[in-house]
Amino acid sequence: MISIIIPTLNEEDIIAASLADLIHRDGDFEVIVADGGSRDATLCVVKQFAGVRVVTGPRGRGSQMNAGASAAQGDILLFLHADTRLPSTALSMVAGALKDPGIVGGSFCLAFDRPHPLLALYSRLSRINTHLFTYGDQGLFLRKETFKALGGFTNDPFMEDAEILLRLRRMGRFVKFDPPVVTSARRYLKYGVIRQQLRNITLVFLFHMGVPTSVLKRYYPD
């Protein structure tokens, strides 16, 4: 079974559409919402979806996803952002890939829900299977036993996805799928596409240079 784990924090505007997109799919899976203390109606919305489980954890995407993984009943974990939609064939692709013992995990390439030349370029770059173009918004998946062997996500406030991907790739083969997941461009629209992309590039560079994530987080608001 695949456990789809969705971390949330004040996502009342989008979580209903995201869950509705998931719950009617075919396959052996469960959906777990891992909330970090939402103060809006996120949990009220989630509770309207029968069968969707809710766990809570300390605020922070890594901590929340660890809580979701601890509650998961599936032998495969798929971490999905609340504003990201899986392609229709995602679950069968994930299950099929992890039948190969040489594959330790994978993700999807990325597309955005709004057209923009710079976002289109970023989408093309996400097809490159490297740690520099692979992040948590691309639907990370791996076996639960592998996740446990890694010790889960760190409790760092930022870049928890980049950090675990570095460790995961050292364990074996990492795959990347197309068709893509489709994610919201809302952060780019809010802060400006060029400004946000420059911020992302700078923060990724500084992370790989060893700058503490507690420092980097100051420049990337929730």
N, C-alpha and C. Protein backbone atom coordinates (compact mmCIF):
# COMPACT_ATOMS: atom_id res chain seq x y z
N MET A 1 0.84 -1.20 0.00
CA MET A 1 0.00 0.00 0.00
C MET A 1 0.88 1.25 0.00
N ILE A 2 0.41 2.27 -0.67
CA ILE A 2 1.10 3.56 -0.71
C ILE A 2 0.44 4.51 0.27
N SER A 3 1.23 5.11 1.13
CA SER A 3 0.74 6.14 2.05
C SER A 3 1.12 7.50 1.50
N ILE A 4 0.12 8.28 1.12
CA ILE A 4 0.35 9.64 0.61
C ILE A 4 0.27 10.60 1.79
N ILE A 5 1.36 11.28 2.07
CA ILE A 5 1.46 12.14 3.25
C ILE A 5 1.54 13.59 2.81
N ILE A 6 0.58 14.40 3.30
CA ILE A 6 0.47 15.80 2.88
C ILE A 6 0.66 16.70 4.10
N PRO A 7 1.76 17.44 4.18
CA PRO A 7 1.93 18.40 5.28
C PRO A 7 1.10 19.65 5.01
N THR A 8 0.43 20.16 6.05
CA THR A 8 -0.40 21.35 5.88
C THR A 8 -0.13 22.36 6.98
N LEU A 9 -0.32 23.62 6.62
CA LEU A 9 -0.33 24.72 7.57
C LEU A 9 -1.15 25.84 6.96
N ASN A 10 -2.37 26.02 7.48
CA ASN A 10 -3.26 27.09 7.00
C ASN A 10 -3.51 26.98 5.49
N GLU A 11 -4.04 25.83 5.08
CA GLU A 11 -4.27 25.57 3.66
C GLU A 11 -5.76 25.41 3.34
N GLU A 12 -6.61 26.14 4.04
CA GLU A 12 -8.04 25.97 3.85
C GLU A 12 -8.50 26.28 2.42
N ASP A 13 -7.76 27.12 1.71
CA ASP A 13 -8.19 27.52 0.37
C ASP A 13 -7.92 26.47 -0.70
N ILE A 14 -7.00 25.55 -0.43
CA ILE A 14 -6.61 24.62 -1.49
C ILE A 14 -6.74 23.15 -1.12
N ILE A 15 -6.85 22.82 0.17
CA ILE A 15 -6.76 21.43 0.57
C ILE A 15 -7.96 20.61 0.07
N ALA A 16 -9.12 21.20 -0.03
CA ALA A 16 -10.29 20.44 -0.50
C ALA A 16 -10.08 19.96 -1.93
N ALA A 17 -9.62 20.83 -2.80
CA ALA A 17 -9.40 20.44 -4.19
C ALA A 17 -8.31 19.38 -4.29
N SER A 18 -7.28 19.51 -3.47
CA SER A 18 -6.18 18.54 -3.49
C SER A 18 -6.66 17.16 -3.05
N LEU A 19 -7.44 17.10 -1.98
CA LEU A 19 -7.94 15.81 -1.51
C LEU A 19 -8.96 15.21 -2.47
N ALA A 20 -9.80 16.05 -3.04
CA ALA A 20 -10.79 15.55 -4.00
C ALA A 20 -10.10 14.93 -5.21
N ASP A 21 -8.94 15.46 -5.57
CA ASP A 21 -8.19 14.91 -6.70
C ASP A 21 -7.62 13.54 -6.38
N LEU A 22 -7.41 13.25 -5.10
CA LEU A 22 -6.77 12.00 -4.70
C LEU A 22 -7.74 10.86 -4.39
N ILE A 23 -8.79 11.16 -3.66
CA ILE A 23 -9.53 10.09 -2.98
C ILE A 23 -10.29 9.17 -3.93
N HIS A 24 -10.56 9.60 -5.14
CA HIS A 24 -11.32 8.75 -6.07
C HIS A 24 -10.41 7.99 -7.04
N ARG A 25 -9.12 8.02 -6.80
CA ARG A 25 -8.21 7.28 -7.68
C ARG A 25 -8.28 5.79 -7.40
N ASP A 26 -7.89 5.02 -8.40
CA ASP A 26 -7.80 3.58 -8.23
C ASP A 26 -6.46 3.23 -7.60
N GLY A 27 -6.45 2.12 -6.86
CA GLY A 27 -5.20 1.65 -6.29
C GLY A 27 -5.30 1.43 -4.79
N ASP A 28 -4.28 0.83 -4.25
CA ASP A 28 -4.21 0.54 -2.83
C ASP A 28 -3.40 1.64 -2.15
N PHE A 29 -4.10 2.59 -1.55
CA PHE A 29 -3.41 3.73 -0.95
C PHE A 29 -4.23 4.32 0.18
N GLU A 30 -3.58 5.11 1.00
CA GLU A 30 -4.22 5.89 2.03
C GLU A 30 -3.71 7.32 1.94
N VAL A 31 -4.48 8.25 2.49
CA VAL A 31 -4.09 9.66 2.50
C VAL A 31 -4.00 10.12 3.95
N ILE A 32 -2.87 10.69 4.31
CA ILE A 32 -2.64 11.21 5.65
C ILE A 32 -2.30 12.69 5.56
N VAL A 33 -3.05 13.51 6.24
CA VAL A 33 -2.75 14.93 6.34
C VAL A 33 -2.00 15.16 7.65
N ALA A 34 -0.80 15.70 7.55
CA ALA A 34 0.05 15.95 8.71
C ALA A 34 0.07 17.46 8.96
N ASP A 35 -0.70 17.90 9.93
CA ASP A 35 -0.89 19.33 10.15
C ASP A 35 0.08 19.86 11.21
N GLY A 36 0.52 21.09 10.99
CA GLY A 36 1.48 21.71 11.90
C GLY A 36 0.89 22.81 12.76
N GLY A 37 -0.43 22.72 13.03
CA GLY A 37 -1.05 23.72 13.89
C GLY A 37 -1.79 24.80 13.14
N SER A 38 -2.53 24.40 12.12
CA SER A 38 -3.29 25.38 11.33
C SER A 38 -4.25 26.16 12.21
N ARG A 39 -4.35 27.46 11.96
CA ARG A 39 -5.25 28.32 12.71
C ARG A 39 -6.48 28.71 11.90
N ASP A 40 -6.54 28.23 10.67
CA ASP A 40 -7.71 28.50 9.85
C ASP A 40 -8.59 27.24 9.84
N ALA A 41 -9.37 27.06 8.80
CA ALA A 41 -10.32 25.95 8.76
C ALA A 41 -9.77 24.71 8.06
N THR A 42 -8.46 24.61 7.94
CA THR A 42 -7.87 23.48 7.22
C THR A 42 -8.39 22.14 7.74
N LEU A 43 -8.32 21.91 9.04
CA LEU A 43 -8.70 20.61 9.59
C LEU A 43 -10.20 20.36 9.47
N CYS A 44 -10.99 21.41 9.55
CA CYS A 44 -12.44 21.26 9.36
C CYS A 44 -12.73 20.79 7.94
N VAL A 45 -12.01 21.33 6.98
CA VAL A 45 -12.19 20.91 5.59
C VAL A 45 -11.76 19.47 5.41
N VAL A 46 -10.60 19.11 5.97
CA VAL A 46 -10.07 17.76 5.82
C VAL A 46 -11.05 16.73 6.39
N LYS A 47 -11.68 17.04 7.51
CA LYS A 47 -12.57 16.09 8.17
C LYS A 47 -13.83 15.80 7.36
N GLN A 48 -14.07 16.58 6.34
CA GLN A 48 -15.21 16.32 5.45
C GLN A 48 -14.93 15.17 4.49
N PHE A 49 -13.67 14.74 4.41
CA PHE A 49 -13.29 13.69 3.48
C PHE A 49 -13.15 12.37 4.24
N ALA A 50 -14.12 11.51 4.09
CA ALA A 50 -14.11 10.23 4.78
C ALA A 50 -12.89 9.41 4.38
N GLY A 51 -12.26 8.84 5.37
CA GLY A 51 -11.11 7.98 5.10
C GLY A 51 -9.77 8.67 5.13
N VAL A 52 -9.77 10.00 5.05
CA VAL A 52 -8.51 10.74 5.14
C VAL A 52 -8.12 10.86 6.60
N ARG A 53 -6.93 10.41 6.94
CA ARG A 53 -6.47 10.44 8.32
C ARG A 53 -5.73 11.75 8.60
N VAL A 54 -5.80 12.19 9.84
CA VAL A 54 -5.14 13.43 10.26
C VAL A 54 -4.20 13.12 11.42
N VAL A 55 -2.97 13.59 11.31
CA VAL A 55 -2.03 13.55 12.43
C VAL A 55 -1.51 14.97 12.61
N THR A 56 -1.05 15.26 13.79
CA THR A 56 -0.48 16.58 14.06
C THR A 56 0.95 16.41 14.55
N GLY A 57 1.74 17.40 14.28
CA GLY A 57 3.13 17.39 14.70
C GLY A 57 3.62 18.80 14.91
N PRO A 58 4.79 18.96 15.49
CA PRO A 58 5.35 20.30 15.66
C PRO A 58 5.44 21.01 14.31
N ARG A 59 5.21 22.30 14.32
CA ARG A 59 5.25 23.07 13.07
C ARG A 59 6.62 22.95 12.41
N GLY A 60 6.59 22.69 11.14
CA GLY A 60 7.80 22.47 10.37
C GLY A 60 7.56 21.31 9.43
N ARG A 61 7.80 21.50 8.16
CA ARG A 61 7.43 20.48 7.18
C ARG A 61 8.09 19.13 7.47
N GLY A 62 9.38 19.15 7.85
CA GLY A 62 10.07 17.90 8.15
C GLY A 62 9.45 17.17 9.33
N SER A 63 9.19 17.90 10.41
CA SER A 63 8.58 17.29 11.60
C SER A 63 7.19 16.75 11.29
N GLN A 64 6.44 17.49 10.52
CA GLN A 64 5.09 17.05 10.17
C GLN A 64 5.12 15.79 9.31
N MET A 65 6.02 15.75 8.34
CA MET A 65 6.09 14.57 7.48
C MET A 65 6.61 13.36 8.24
N ASN A 66 7.48 13.59 9.21
CA ASN A 66 7.90 12.48 10.07
C ASN A 66 6.72 11.92 10.85
N ALA A 67 5.87 12.80 11.35
CA ALA A 67 4.68 12.36 12.08
C ALA A 67 3.75 11.56 11.17
N GLY A 68 3.59 12.02 9.95
CA GLY A 68 2.77 11.29 8.99
C GLY A 68 3.34 9.93 8.67
N ALA A 69 4.67 9.86 8.51
CA ALA A 69 5.32 8.60 8.20
C ALA A 69 5.18 7.61 9.35
N SER A 70 5.25 8.11 10.59
CA SER A 70 5.11 7.23 11.75
C SER A 70 3.73 6.59 11.82
N ALA A 71 2.72 7.32 11.33
CA ALA A 71 1.35 6.82 11.36
C ALA A 71 0.99 6.00 10.13
N ALA A 72 1.86 6.01 9.12
CA ALA A 72 1.54 5.37 7.84
C ALA A 72 1.45 3.86 7.96
N GLN A 73 0.47 3.28 7.29
CA GLN A 73 0.30 1.83 7.26
C GLN A 73 0.88 1.21 5.99
N GLY A 74 1.20 2.03 5.02
CA GLY A 74 1.73 1.51 3.77
C GLY A 74 3.20 1.19 3.84
N ASP A 75 3.65 0.36 2.90
CA ASP A 75 5.07 0.04 2.82
C ASP A 75 5.81 0.98 1.87
N ILE A 76 5.06 1.88 1.23
CA ILE A 76 5.63 2.92 0.38
C ILE A 76 5.11 4.27 0.87
N LEU A 77 5.99 5.25 0.97
CA LEU A 77 5.63 6.60 1.38
C LEU A 77 5.76 7.54 0.18
N LEU A 78 4.75 8.37 -0.01
CA LEU A 78 4.78 9.39 -1.06
C LEU A 78 4.45 10.72 -0.40
N PHE A 79 5.41 11.64 -0.40
CA PHE A 79 5.23 12.94 0.26
C PHE A 79 4.80 13.96 -0.79
N LEU A 80 3.65 14.59 -0.53
CA LEU A 80 3.03 15.46 -1.52
C LEU A 80 2.66 16.79 -0.89
N HIS A 81 3.09 17.88 -1.50
CA HIS A 81 2.71 19.20 -0.99
C HIS A 81 1.22 19.44 -1.21
N ALA A 82 0.64 20.24 -0.37
CA ALA A 82 -0.80 20.46 -0.39
C ALA A 82 -1.28 21.14 -1.67
N ASP A 83 -0.39 21.84 -2.35
CA ASP A 83 -0.79 22.56 -3.56
C ASP A 83 -0.30 21.86 -4.83
N THR A 84 -0.01 20.56 -4.72
CA THR A 84 0.55 19.81 -5.85
C THR A 84 -0.35 18.64 -6.22
N ARG A 85 -0.56 18.44 -7.51
CA ARG A 85 -1.43 17.36 -8.01
C ARG A 85 -0.58 16.29 -8.71
N LEU A 86 -0.87 15.05 -8.42
CA LEU A 86 -0.19 13.94 -9.06
C LEU A 86 -0.75 13.66 -10.45
N PRO A 87 0.07 13.17 -11.37
CA PRO A 87 -0.48 12.71 -12.65
C PRO A 87 -1.37 11.49 -12.44
N SER A 88 -2.21 11.20 -13.40
CA SER A 88 -3.21 10.14 -13.22
C SER A 88 -2.59 8.76 -13.03
N THR A 89 -1.41 8.55 -13.59
CA THR A 89 -0.76 7.24 -13.51
C THR A 89 0.25 7.14 -12.37
N ALA A 90 0.27 8.12 -11.49
CA ALA A 90 1.34 8.23 -10.49
C ALA A 90 1.47 7.00 -9.60
N LEU A 91 0.37 6.52 -9.06
CA LEU A 91 0.45 5.44 -8.07
C LEU A 91 0.96 4.14 -8.68
N SER A 92 0.51 3.81 -9.88
CA SER A 92 1.00 2.60 -10.52
C SER A 92 2.47 2.76 -10.90
N MET A 93 2.88 3.95 -11.28
CA MET A 93 4.29 4.18 -11.63
C MET A 93 5.18 4.02 -10.40
N VAL A 94 4.75 4.56 -9.28
CA VAL A 94 5.53 4.46 -8.04
C VAL A 94 5.65 3.00 -7.60
N ALA A 95 4.52 2.31 -7.55
CA ALA A 95 4.53 0.91 -7.13
C ALA A 95 5.39 0.06 -8.05
N GLY A 96 5.30 0.31 -9.35
CA GLY A 96 6.08 -0.45 -10.31
C GLY A 96 7.58 -0.21 -10.16
N ALA A 97 7.95 1.04 -9.95
CA ALA A 97 9.37 1.38 -9.82
C ALA A 97 10.00 0.71 -8.62
N LEU A 98 9.28 0.69 -7.50
CA LEU A 98 9.86 0.17 -6.27
C LEU A 98 9.80 -1.35 -6.17
N LYS A 99 9.32 -2.01 -7.21
CA LYS A 99 9.48 -3.46 -7.29
C LYS A 99 10.93 -3.82 -7.62
N ASP A 100 11.65 -2.84 -8.17
CA ASP A 100 13.07 -3.04 -8.50
C ASP A 100 13.89 -2.77 -7.24
N PRO A 101 14.56 -3.76 -6.68
CA PRO A 101 15.31 -3.54 -5.44
C PRO A 101 16.48 -2.59 -5.60
N GLY A 102 16.89 -2.34 -6.83
CA GLY A 102 18.00 -1.41 -7.05
C GLY A 102 17.60 0.03 -6.99
N ILE A 103 16.29 0.31 -7.01
CA ILE A 103 15.78 1.69 -6.94
C ILE A 103 15.44 2.02 -5.49
N VAL A 104 16.04 3.06 -4.95
CA VAL A 104 15.79 3.43 -3.55
C VAL A 104 14.66 4.44 -3.41
N GLY A 105 14.35 5.14 -4.48
CA GLY A 105 13.29 6.14 -4.41
C GLY A 105 13.25 6.95 -5.68
N GLY A 106 12.41 7.98 -5.66
CA GLY A 106 12.29 8.80 -6.85
C GLY A 106 11.34 9.95 -6.64
N SER A 107 11.08 10.65 -7.73
CA SER A 107 10.14 11.77 -7.73
C SER A 107 9.65 11.97 -9.15
N PHE A 108 8.84 12.99 -9.34
CA PHE A 108 8.35 13.35 -10.66
C PHE A 108 9.02 14.65 -11.08
N CYS A 109 9.04 14.90 -12.37
CA CYS A 109 9.43 16.24 -12.79
C CYS A 109 8.23 17.17 -12.54
N LEU A 110 8.41 18.45 -12.83
CA LEU A 110 7.50 19.47 -12.32
C LEU A 110 6.89 20.31 -13.43
N ALA A 111 5.64 20.68 -13.23
CA ALA A 111 4.98 21.67 -14.09
C ALA A 111 4.20 22.61 -13.18
N PHE A 112 3.91 23.79 -13.69
CA PHE A 112 3.18 24.79 -12.92
C PHE A 112 1.79 25.01 -13.50
N ASP A 113 0.89 25.51 -12.65
CA ASP A 113 -0.48 25.70 -13.08
C ASP A 113 -0.71 27.05 -13.76
N ARG A 114 0.35 27.83 -13.94
CA ARG A 114 0.25 29.12 -14.65
C ARG A 114 1.37 29.21 -15.69
N PRO A 115 1.07 29.76 -16.86
CA PRO A 115 2.12 29.88 -17.88
C PRO A 115 3.04 31.07 -17.60
N HIS A 116 4.32 30.84 -17.77
CA HIS A 116 5.32 31.90 -17.67
C HIS A 116 6.62 31.34 -18.23
N PRO A 117 7.33 32.11 -19.05
CA PRO A 117 8.56 31.58 -19.67
C PRO A 117 9.59 31.08 -18.66
N LEU A 118 9.77 31.78 -17.55
CA LEU A 118 10.77 31.37 -16.57
C LEU A 118 10.33 30.10 -15.85
N LEU A 119 9.04 29.99 -15.56
CA LEU A 119 8.54 28.77 -14.92
C LEU A 119 8.62 27.58 -15.89
N ALA A 120 8.40 27.85 -17.17
CA ALA A 120 8.53 26.79 -18.17
C ALA A 120 9.97 26.30 -18.24
N LEU A 121 10.93 27.21 -18.11
CA LEU A 121 12.34 26.83 -18.09
C LEU A 121 12.65 25.98 -16.86
N TYR A 122 12.16 26.41 -15.72
CA TYR A 122 12.37 25.65 -14.49
C TYR A 122 11.76 24.25 -14.61
N SER A 123 10.60 24.17 -15.24
CA SER A 123 9.97 22.87 -15.45
C SER A 123 10.85 21.96 -16.30
N ARG A 124 11.45 22.51 -17.35
CA ARG A 124 12.33 21.70 -18.18
C ARG A 124 13.56 21.25 -17.40
N LEU A 125 14.12 22.12 -16.59
CA LEU A 125 15.28 21.76 -15.79
C LEU A 125 14.95 20.67 -14.77
N SER A 126 13.70 20.64 -14.31
CA SER A 126 13.31 19.63 -13.31
C SER A 126 13.34 18.22 -13.88
N ARG A 127 13.44 18.08 -15.19
CA ARG A 127 13.54 16.76 -15.80
C ARG A 127 14.93 16.16 -15.63
N ILE A 128 15.90 16.99 -15.28
CA ILE A 128 17.27 16.52 -15.08
C ILE A 128 17.34 15.83 -13.73
N ASN A 129 17.77 14.59 -13.73
CA ASN A 129 17.78 13.80 -12.50
C ASN A 129 19.06 14.06 -11.71
N THR A 130 19.06 15.19 -11.02
CA THR A 130 20.18 15.58 -10.18
C THR A 130 19.65 16.26 -8.93
N HIS A 131 20.44 16.27 -7.86
CA HIS A 131 20.00 16.90 -6.62
C HIS A 131 19.79 18.40 -6.78
N LEU A 132 20.39 19.01 -7.79
CA LEU A 132 20.25 20.45 -7.98
C LEU A 132 18.89 20.83 -8.53
N PHE A 133 18.17 19.89 -9.12
CA PHE A 133 16.86 20.18 -9.71
C PHE A 133 15.78 19.23 -9.20
N THR A 134 15.96 18.74 -7.98
CA THR A 134 14.97 17.84 -7.38
C THR A 134 14.65 18.31 -5.98
N TYR A 135 13.36 18.58 -5.72
CA TYR A 135 12.95 19.09 -4.41
C TYR A 135 11.62 18.49 -3.99
N GLY A 136 11.21 18.81 -2.79
CA GLY A 136 10.04 18.18 -2.19
C GLY A 136 8.73 18.42 -2.92
N ASP A 137 8.64 19.50 -3.68
CA ASP A 137 7.38 19.76 -4.38
C ASP A 137 7.20 18.86 -5.60
N GLN A 138 8.15 17.94 -5.83
CA GLN A 138 8.06 17.04 -6.99
C GLN A 138 7.53 15.65 -6.63
N GLY A 139 7.05 15.48 -5.39
CA GLY A 139 6.43 14.21 -5.03
C GLY A 139 7.45 13.12 -4.73
N LEU A 140 8.22 13.30 -3.68
CA LEU A 140 9.23 12.31 -3.28
C LEU A 140 8.56 11.01 -2.84
N PHE A 141 9.07 9.87 -3.32
CA PHE A 141 8.57 8.58 -2.86
C PHE A 141 9.73 7.64 -2.57
N LEU A 142 9.51 6.74 -1.61
CA LEU A 142 10.50 5.75 -1.21
C LEU A 142 9.82 4.70 -0.33
N ARG A 143 10.49 3.58 -0.12
CA ARG A 143 9.95 2.56 0.76
C ARG A 143 9.99 3.05 2.20
N LYS A 144 9.04 2.58 2.99
CA LYS A 144 9.02 2.97 4.41
C LYS A 144 10.27 2.47 5.12
N GLU A 145 10.73 1.28 4.77
CA GLU A 145 11.92 0.74 5.42
C GLU A 145 13.16 1.59 5.08
N THR A 146 13.19 2.14 3.88
CA THR A 146 14.30 3.03 3.50
C THR A 146 14.23 4.33 4.29
N PHE A 147 13.03 4.84 4.44
CA PHE A 147 12.83 6.06 5.21
C PHE A 147 13.30 5.87 6.65
N LYS A 148 12.98 4.73 7.23
CA LYS A 148 13.42 4.44 8.59
C LYS A 148 14.93 4.32 8.66
N ALA A 149 15.54 3.68 7.67
CA ALA A 149 16.99 3.53 7.65
C ALA A 149 17.69 4.88 7.56
N LEU A 150 17.05 5.83 6.88
CA LEU A 150 17.60 7.19 6.77
C LEU A 150 17.42 8.00 8.06
N GLY A 151 16.51 7.55 8.91
CA GLY A 151 16.20 8.32 10.11
C GLY A 151 15.19 9.43 9.86
N GLY A 152 14.51 9.37 8.70
CA GLY A 152 13.50 10.37 8.38
C GLY A 152 14.08 11.71 8.02
N PHE A 153 13.20 12.71 8.00
CA PHE A 153 13.62 14.08 7.74
C PHE A 153 14.29 14.66 8.99
N THR A 154 15.17 15.59 8.78
CA THR A 154 15.69 16.34 9.92
C THR A 154 14.61 17.29 10.42
N ASN A 155 14.78 17.80 11.61
CA ASN A 155 13.84 18.78 12.15
C ASN A 155 14.26 20.21 11.85
N ASP A 156 15.18 20.36 10.90
CA ASP A 156 15.60 21.70 10.50
C ASP A 156 14.40 22.46 9.93
N PRO A 157 14.36 23.78 10.09
CA PRO A 157 13.19 24.54 9.66
C PRO A 157 13.10 24.75 8.15
N PHE A 158 14.09 24.29 7.40
CA PHE A 158 14.13 24.62 5.97
C PHE A 158 15.05 23.65 5.25
N MET A 159 14.81 23.42 3.98
CA MET A 159 15.64 22.57 3.13
C MET A 159 15.66 21.11 3.59
N GLU A 160 14.62 20.70 4.31
CA GLU A 160 14.56 19.30 4.75
C GLU A 160 14.48 18.36 3.56
N ASP A 161 13.89 18.82 2.46
CA ASP A 161 13.77 17.99 1.27
C ASP A 161 15.13 17.81 0.58
N ALA A 162 15.86 18.91 0.42
CA ALA A 162 17.17 18.83 -0.21
C ALA A 162 18.12 17.97 0.61
N GLU A 163 18.02 18.06 1.92
CA GLU A 163 18.93 17.32 2.79
C GLU A 163 18.67 15.82 2.71
N ILE A 164 17.41 15.40 2.79
CA ILE A 164 17.14 13.96 2.76
C ILE A 164 17.42 13.38 1.39
N LEU A 165 17.26 14.17 0.34
CA LEU A 165 17.54 13.68 -1.00
C LEU A 165 19.03 13.41 -1.19
N LEU A 166 19.87 14.21 -0.59
CA LEU A 166 21.31 13.95 -0.66
C LEU A 166 21.63 12.60 -0.02
N ARG A 167 21.03 12.33 1.12
CA ARG A 167 21.29 11.06 1.81
C ARG A 167 20.68 9.88 1.05
N LEU A 168 19.48 10.09 0.51
CA LEU A 168 18.81 9.02 -0.21
C LEU A 168 19.59 8.61 -1.46
N ARG A 169 20.09 9.57 -2.19
CA ARG A 169 20.81 9.28 -3.44
C ARG A 169 22.10 8.49 -3.18
N ARG A 170 22.65 8.62 -2.00
CA ARG A 170 23.87 7.85 -1.68
C ARG A 170 23.56 6.37 -1.47
N MET A 171 22.29 6.04 -1.25
CA MET A 171 21.91 4.65 -0.97
C MET A 171 21.70 3.82 -2.22
N GLY A 172 21.50 4.47 -3.36
CA GLY A 172 21.23 3.69 -4.57
C GLY A 172 20.63 4.55 -5.66
N ARG A 173 19.98 3.90 -6.58
CA ARG A 173 19.46 4.56 -7.78
C ARG A 173 18.18 5.35 -7.46
N PHE A 174 18.16 6.60 -7.92
CA PHE A 174 17.02 7.49 -7.75
C PHE A 174 16.44 7.76 -9.14
N VAL A 175 15.12 7.59 -9.30
CA VAL A 175 14.49 7.78 -10.61
C VAL A 175 13.61 9.03 -10.60
N LYS A 176 13.40 9.54 -11.79
CA LYS A 176 12.51 10.70 -11.94
C LYS A 176 11.56 10.43 -13.10
N PHE A 177 10.26 10.69 -12.85
CA PHE A 177 9.22 10.35 -13.81
C PHE A 177 8.66 11.57 -14.53
N ASP A 178 8.25 11.33 -15.75
CA ASP A 178 7.43 12.23 -16.54
C ASP A 178 6.29 11.35 -17.04
N PRO A 179 5.01 11.70 -16.93
CA PRO A 179 4.43 13.03 -16.75
C PRO A 179 4.69 13.66 -15.39
N PRO A 180 4.60 15.00 -15.34
CA PRO A 180 4.97 15.73 -14.13
C PRO A 180 3.84 15.82 -13.13
N VAL A 181 4.22 16.16 -11.90
CA VAL A 181 3.23 16.70 -10.97
C VAL A 181 2.98 18.15 -11.38
N VAL A 182 1.82 18.67 -11.02
CA VAL A 182 1.48 20.06 -11.32
C VAL A 182 1.34 20.80 -10.00
N THR A 183 2.13 21.82 -9.81
CA THR A 183 2.11 22.54 -8.56
C THR A 183 1.67 23.99 -8.76
N SER A 184 1.25 24.61 -7.70
CA SER A 184 0.76 25.98 -7.77
C SER A 184 1.91 26.97 -7.92
N ALA A 185 1.68 27.98 -8.71
CA ALA A 185 2.65 29.06 -8.88
C ALA A 185 2.36 30.21 -7.92
N ARG A 186 1.58 29.95 -6.87
CA ARG A 186 1.10 31.04 -6.01
C ARG A 186 2.23 31.82 -5.36
N ARG A 187 3.31 31.16 -4.93
CA ARG A 187 4.41 31.89 -4.31
C ARG A 187 5.09 32.80 -5.32
N TYR A 188 5.24 32.32 -6.56
CA TYR A 188 5.85 33.14 -7.61
C TYR A 188 4.98 34.33 -7.94
N LEU A 189 3.67 34.12 -7.98
CA LEU A 189 2.76 35.22 -8.28
C LEU A 189 2.74 36.24 -7.16
N LYS A 190 2.89 35.78 -5.93
CA LYS A 190 2.85 36.69 -4.79
C LYS A 190 4.09 37.57 -4.71
N TYR A 191 5.25 36.96 -4.92
CA TYR A 191 6.51 37.69 -4.74
C TYR A 191 7.15 38.13 -6.04
N GLY A 192 6.60 37.69 -7.18
CA GLY A 192 7.20 38.00 -8.47
C GLY A 192 8.03 36.82 -8.95
N VAL A 193 7.80 36.40 -10.19
CA VAL A 193 8.43 35.18 -10.70
C VAL A 193 9.95 35.31 -10.69
N ILE A 194 10.48 36.41 -11.23
CA ILE A 194 11.93 36.57 -11.31
C ILE A 194 12.53 36.70 -9.91
N ARG A 195 11.92 37.51 -9.09
CA ARG A 195 12.43 37.70 -7.73
C ARG A 195 12.43 36.38 -6.94
N GLN A 196 11.34 35.62 -7.04
CA GLN A 196 11.25 34.38 -6.30
C GLN A 196 12.26 33.35 -6.81
N GLN A 197 12.43 33.28 -8.13
CA GLN A 197 13.38 32.30 -8.66
C GLN A 197 14.82 32.65 -8.29
N LEU A 198 15.15 33.92 -8.29
CA LEU A 198 16.49 34.34 -7.86
C LEU A 198 16.70 34.01 -6.38
N ARG A 199 15.66 34.20 -5.59
CA ARG A 199 15.75 33.84 -4.17
C ARG A 199 15.98 32.34 -4.01
N ASN A 200 15.23 31.54 -4.77
CA ASN A 200 15.39 30.09 -4.69
C ASN A 200 16.81 29.66 -5.04
N ILE A 201 17.31 30.19 -6.14
CA ILE A 201 18.66 29.82 -6.60
C ILE A 201 19.70 30.19 -5.55
N THR A 202 19.56 31.38 -4.99
CA THR A 202 20.52 31.84 -3.99
C THR A 202 20.49 30.96 -2.75
N LEU A 203 19.29 30.63 -2.27
CA LEU A 203 19.17 29.83 -1.06
C LEU A 203 19.69 28.40 -1.27
N VAL A 204 19.43 27.84 -2.44
CA VAL A 204 19.95 26.50 -2.74
C VAL A 204 21.48 26.53 -2.76
N PHE A 205 22.05 27.53 -3.41
CA PHE A 205 23.51 27.66 -3.45
C PHE A 205 24.10 27.78 -2.05
N LEU A 206 23.48 28.61 -1.22
CA LEU A 206 24.00 28.80 0.14
C LEU A 206 23.84 27.53 0.98
N PHE A 207 22.75 26.79 0.76
CA PHE A 207 22.57 25.53 1.47
C PHE A 207 23.70 24.56 1.16
N HIS A 208 24.03 24.43 -0.13
CA HIS A 208 25.09 23.51 -0.51
C HIS A 208 26.47 24.03 -0.14
N MET A 209 26.56 25.30 0.19
CA MET A 209 27.81 25.86 0.70
C MET A 209 27.94 25.69 2.20
N GLY A 210 26.87 25.16 2.84
CA GLY A 210 26.94 24.86 4.26
C GLY A 210 26.35 25.91 5.18
N VAL A 211 25.64 26.90 4.65
CA VAL A 211 25.00 27.90 5.50
C VAL A 211 23.88 27.24 6.29
N PRO A 212 23.78 27.45 7.60
CA PRO A 212 22.75 26.80 8.41
C PRO A 212 21.34 27.10 7.90
N THR A 213 20.48 26.08 7.95
CA THR A 213 19.12 26.27 7.46
C THR A 213 18.34 27.26 8.32
N SER A 214 18.69 27.41 9.59
CA SER A 214 18.02 28.38 10.44
C SER A 214 18.25 29.80 9.94
N VAL A 215 19.39 30.02 9.32
CA VAL A 215 19.70 31.33 8.73
C VAL A 215 18.94 31.50 7.42
N LEU A 216 18.97 30.46 6.59
CA LEU A 216 18.32 30.54 5.28
C LEU A 216 16.82 30.74 5.41
N LYS A 217 16.21 30.13 6.43
CA LYS A 217 14.76 30.20 6.60
C LYS A 217 14.27 31.62 6.77
N ARG A 218 15.10 32.50 7.29
CA ARG A 218 14.70 33.90 7.48
C ARG A 218 14.30 34.56 6.16
N TYR A 219 14.80 34.04 5.07
CA TYR A 219 14.57 34.65 3.76
C TYR A 219 13.56 33.87 2.92
N TYR A 220 12.85 32.92 3.58
CA TYR A 220 11.85 32.13 2.87
C TYR A 220 10.64 31.96 3.77
N PRO A 221 9.73 32.92 3.76
CA PRO A 221 8.58 32.88 4.67
C PRO A 221 7.64 31.73 4.35
N ASP A 222 6.89 31.27 5.36
CA ASP A 222 5.90 30.21 5.15
C ASP A 222 4.84 30.67 4.16
